[in-house]
C-alpha atoms as a PDB file:
ATOM      1  CA  UNK A   1     176.966 174.235  92.872  1.00  0.00           C
ATOM      2  CA  UNK A   2     174.095 173.257  90.652  1.00  0.00           C
ATOM      3  CA  UNK A   3     170.564 172.745  92.180  1.00  0.00           C
ATOM      4  CA  UNK A   4     168.074 170.612  90.192  1.00  0.00           C
ATOM      5  CA  UNK A   5     165.154 173.363  88.460  1.00  0.00           C
ATOM      6  CA  UNK A   6     162.385 172.371  90.794  1.00  0.00           C
ATOM      7  CA  UNK A   7     164.318 173.125  93.573  1.00  0.00           C
ATOM      8  CA  UNK A   8     165.505 177.167  92.102  1.00  0.00           C
ATOM      9  CA  UNK A   9     162.007 177.467  91.382  1.00  0.00           C
ATOM     10  CA  UNK A  10     160.674 176.469  94.891  1.00  0.00           C
ATOM     11  CA  UNK A  11     163.322 178.575  96.194  1.00  0.00           C
ATOM     12  CA  UNK A  12     162.756 181.642  93.771  1.00  0.00           C
ATOM     13  CA  UNK A  13     158.714 181.522  93.920  1.00  0.00           C
ATOM     14  CA  UNK A  14     158.876 181.338  97.401  1.00  0.00           C
ATOM     15  CA  UNK A  15     155.966 184.051  99.088  1.00  0.00           C
ATOM     16  CA  UNK A  16     153.818 183.610 101.894  1.00  0.00           C
ATOM     17  CA  UNK A  17     150.772 182.154 100.416  1.00  0.00           C
ATOM     18  CA  UNK A  18     153.191 179.195  98.312  1.00  0.00           C
ATOM     19  CA  UNK A  19     155.091 178.578 101.495  1.00  0.00           C
ATOM     20  CA  UNK A  20     153.716 180.112 104.733  1.00  0.00           C
ATOM     21  CA  UNK A  21     156.920 181.929 105.631  1.00  0.00           C
ATOM     22  CA  UNK A  22     158.158 185.903 103.537  1.00  0.00           C
ATOM     23  CA  UNK A  23     159.581 186.063 100.178  1.00  0.00           C
ATOM     24  CA  UNK A  24     163.379 186.802  99.571  1.00  0.00           C
ATOM     25  CA  UNK A  25     162.302 190.080  98.818  1.00  0.00           C
ATOM     26  CA  UNK A  26     160.766 190.670 102.005  1.00  0.00           C
ATOM     27  CA  UNK A  27     163.047 188.838 104.161  1.00  0.00           C
ATOM     28  CA  UNK A  28     165.595 191.815 102.524  1.00  0.00           C
ATOM     29  CA  UNK A  29     163.583 194.645 103.358  1.00  0.00           C
ATOM     30  CA  UNK A  30     163.167 193.111 107.221  1.00  0.00           C
ATOM     31  CA  UNK A  31     166.966 192.814 107.250  1.00  0.00           C
ATOM     32  CA  UNK A  32     167.772 196.541 105.517  1.00  0.00           C
ATOM     33  CA  UNK A  33     165.784 197.465 108.439  1.00  0.00           C
ATOM     34  CA  UNK A  34     166.848 195.727 111.263  1.00  0.00           C
ATOM     35  CA  UNK A  35     164.193 193.722 111.865  1.00  0.00           C
ATOM     36  CA  UNK A  36     164.095 189.938 110.897  1.00  0.00           C
ATOM     37  CA  UNK A  37     163.923 189.355 115.034  1.00  0.00           C
ATOM     38  CA  UNK A  38     162.201 191.974 115.451  1.00  0.00           C
ATOM     39  CA  UNK A  39     159.133 190.187 113.377  1.00  0.00           C
ATOM     40  CA  UNK A  40     160.365 186.414 114.519  1.00  0.00           C
ATOM     41  CA  UNK A  41     159.578 187.774 118.402  1.00  0.00           C
ATOM     42  CA  UNK A  42     156.831 191.303 118.325  1.00  0.00           C
ATOM     43  CA  UNK A  43     155.776 191.010 114.483  1.00  0.00           C
ATOM     44  CA  UNK A  44     153.250 194.038 115.413  1.00  0.00           C
ATOM     45  CA  UNK A  45     156.363 195.638 116.697  1.00  0.00           C
ATOM     46  CA  UNK A  46     157.956 194.667 113.327  1.00  0.00           C
ATOM     47  CA  UNK A  47     155.538 195.643 110.566  1.00  0.00           C
ATOM     48  CA  UNK A  48     154.524 199.089 112.870  1.00  0.00           C
ATOM     49  CA  UNK A  49     158.131 199.906 112.446  1.00  0.00           C
ATOM     50  CA  UNK A  50     158.019 199.374 108.684  1.00  0.00           C
ATOM     51  CA  UNK A  51     154.903 201.161 108.221  1.00  0.00           C
ATOM     52  CA  UNK A  52     156.233 204.167 109.545  1.00  0.00           C
ATOM     53  CA  UNK A  53     159.679 203.648 107.361  1.00  0.00           C
ATOM     54  CA  UNK A  54     156.812 203.547 103.781  1.00  0.00           C
ATOM     55  CA  UNK A  55     154.769 207.357 104.971  1.00  0.00           C
ATOM     56  CA  UNK A  56     158.212 208.205 105.261  1.00  0.00           C
ATOM     57  CA  UNK A  57     159.551 206.815 102.026  1.00  0.00           C
ATOM     58  CA  UNK A  58     156.600 207.861  99.971  1.00  0.00           C
ATOM     59  CA  UNK A  59     154.944 204.673  99.511  1.00  0.00           C
ATOM     60  CA  UNK A  60     158.135 202.805  99.063  1.00  0.00           C
ATOM     61  CA  UNK A  61     156.848 199.892  96.986  1.00  0.00           C
ATOM     62  CA  UNK A  62     159.362 197.433  98.439  1.00  0.00           C
ATOM     63  CA  UNK A  63     158.143 198.268 101.862  1.00  0.00           C
ATOM     64  CA  UNK A  64     154.792 197.722 100.905  1.00  0.00           C
ATOM     65  CA  UNK A  65     155.364 194.587  99.535  1.00  0.00           C
ATOM     66  CA  UNK A  66     156.987 193.694 102.520  1.00  0.00           C
ATOM     67  CA  UNK A  67     154.124 194.994 104.642  1.00  0.00           C
ATOM     68  CA  UNK A  68     151.591 193.053 102.539  1.00  0.00           C
ATOM     69  CA  UNK A  69     153.231 189.995 103.170  1.00  0.00           C
ATOM     70  CA  UNK A  70     154.148 190.028 107.000  1.00  0.00           C
ATOM     71  CA  UNK A  71     150.547 191.684 107.755  1.00  0.00           C
ATOM     72  CA  UNK A  72     148.699 188.176 105.774  1.00  0.00           C
ATOM     73  CA  UNK A  73     151.613 185.887 107.846  1.00  0.00           C
ATOM     74  CA  UNK A  74     150.639 187.768 110.461  1.00  0.00           C
ATOM     75  CA  UNK A  75     146.887 187.424 109.596  1.00  0.00           C
ATOM     76  CA  UNK A  76     147.489 184.242 109.585  1.00  0.00           C
ATOM     77  CA  UNK A  77     149.311 183.774 112.856  1.00  0.00           C
ATOM     78  CA  UNK A  78     146.647 185.482 115.018  1.00  0.00           C
ATOM     79  CA  UNK A  79     143.797 184.624 113.019  1.00  0.00           C
ATOM     80  CA  UNK A  80     142.655 188.121 113.059  1.00  0.00           C
ATOM     81  CA  UNK A  81     140.467 189.664 110.160  1.00  0.00           C
ATOM     82  CA  UNK A  82     142.152 193.273 110.496  1.00  0.00           C
ATOM     83  CA  UNK A  83     145.518 192.112 109.540  1.00  0.00           C
ATOM     84  CA  UNK A  84     144.008 190.454 106.401  1.00  0.00           C
ATOM     85  CA  UNK A  85     142.820 193.398 105.592  1.00  0.00           C
ATOM     86  CA  UNK A  86     145.778 195.309 106.464  1.00  0.00           C
ATOM     87  CA  UNK A  87     147.795 192.862 103.950  1.00  0.00           C
ATOM     88  CA  UNK A  88     144.932 193.889 101.193  1.00  0.00           C
ATOM     89  CA  UNK A  89     145.429 197.529 101.353  1.00  0.00           C
ATOM     90  CA  UNK A  90     149.104 196.763 101.126  1.00  0.00           C
ATOM     91  CA  UNK A  91     148.851 195.596  98.675  1.00  0.00           C
END
């Protein structure tokens, strides 16, 4: 199946900032940890679980990236400045 350049580029560069949805690497982190559905229903619980995993993994870069994106998205959804601050700290 062939996809035009614009569609492929948009799919590969998706991020919380560009599309308002988690990027593919962040989605993978959620899926690997069984937290994709948890994030949809209770984002604060998924973020807390990822934070614990990141601390246990000595600051794993994939987890940090995911935490930054998910904190940003959650901050947008609930309009809480502390969530944006968390996103900046994780980034």
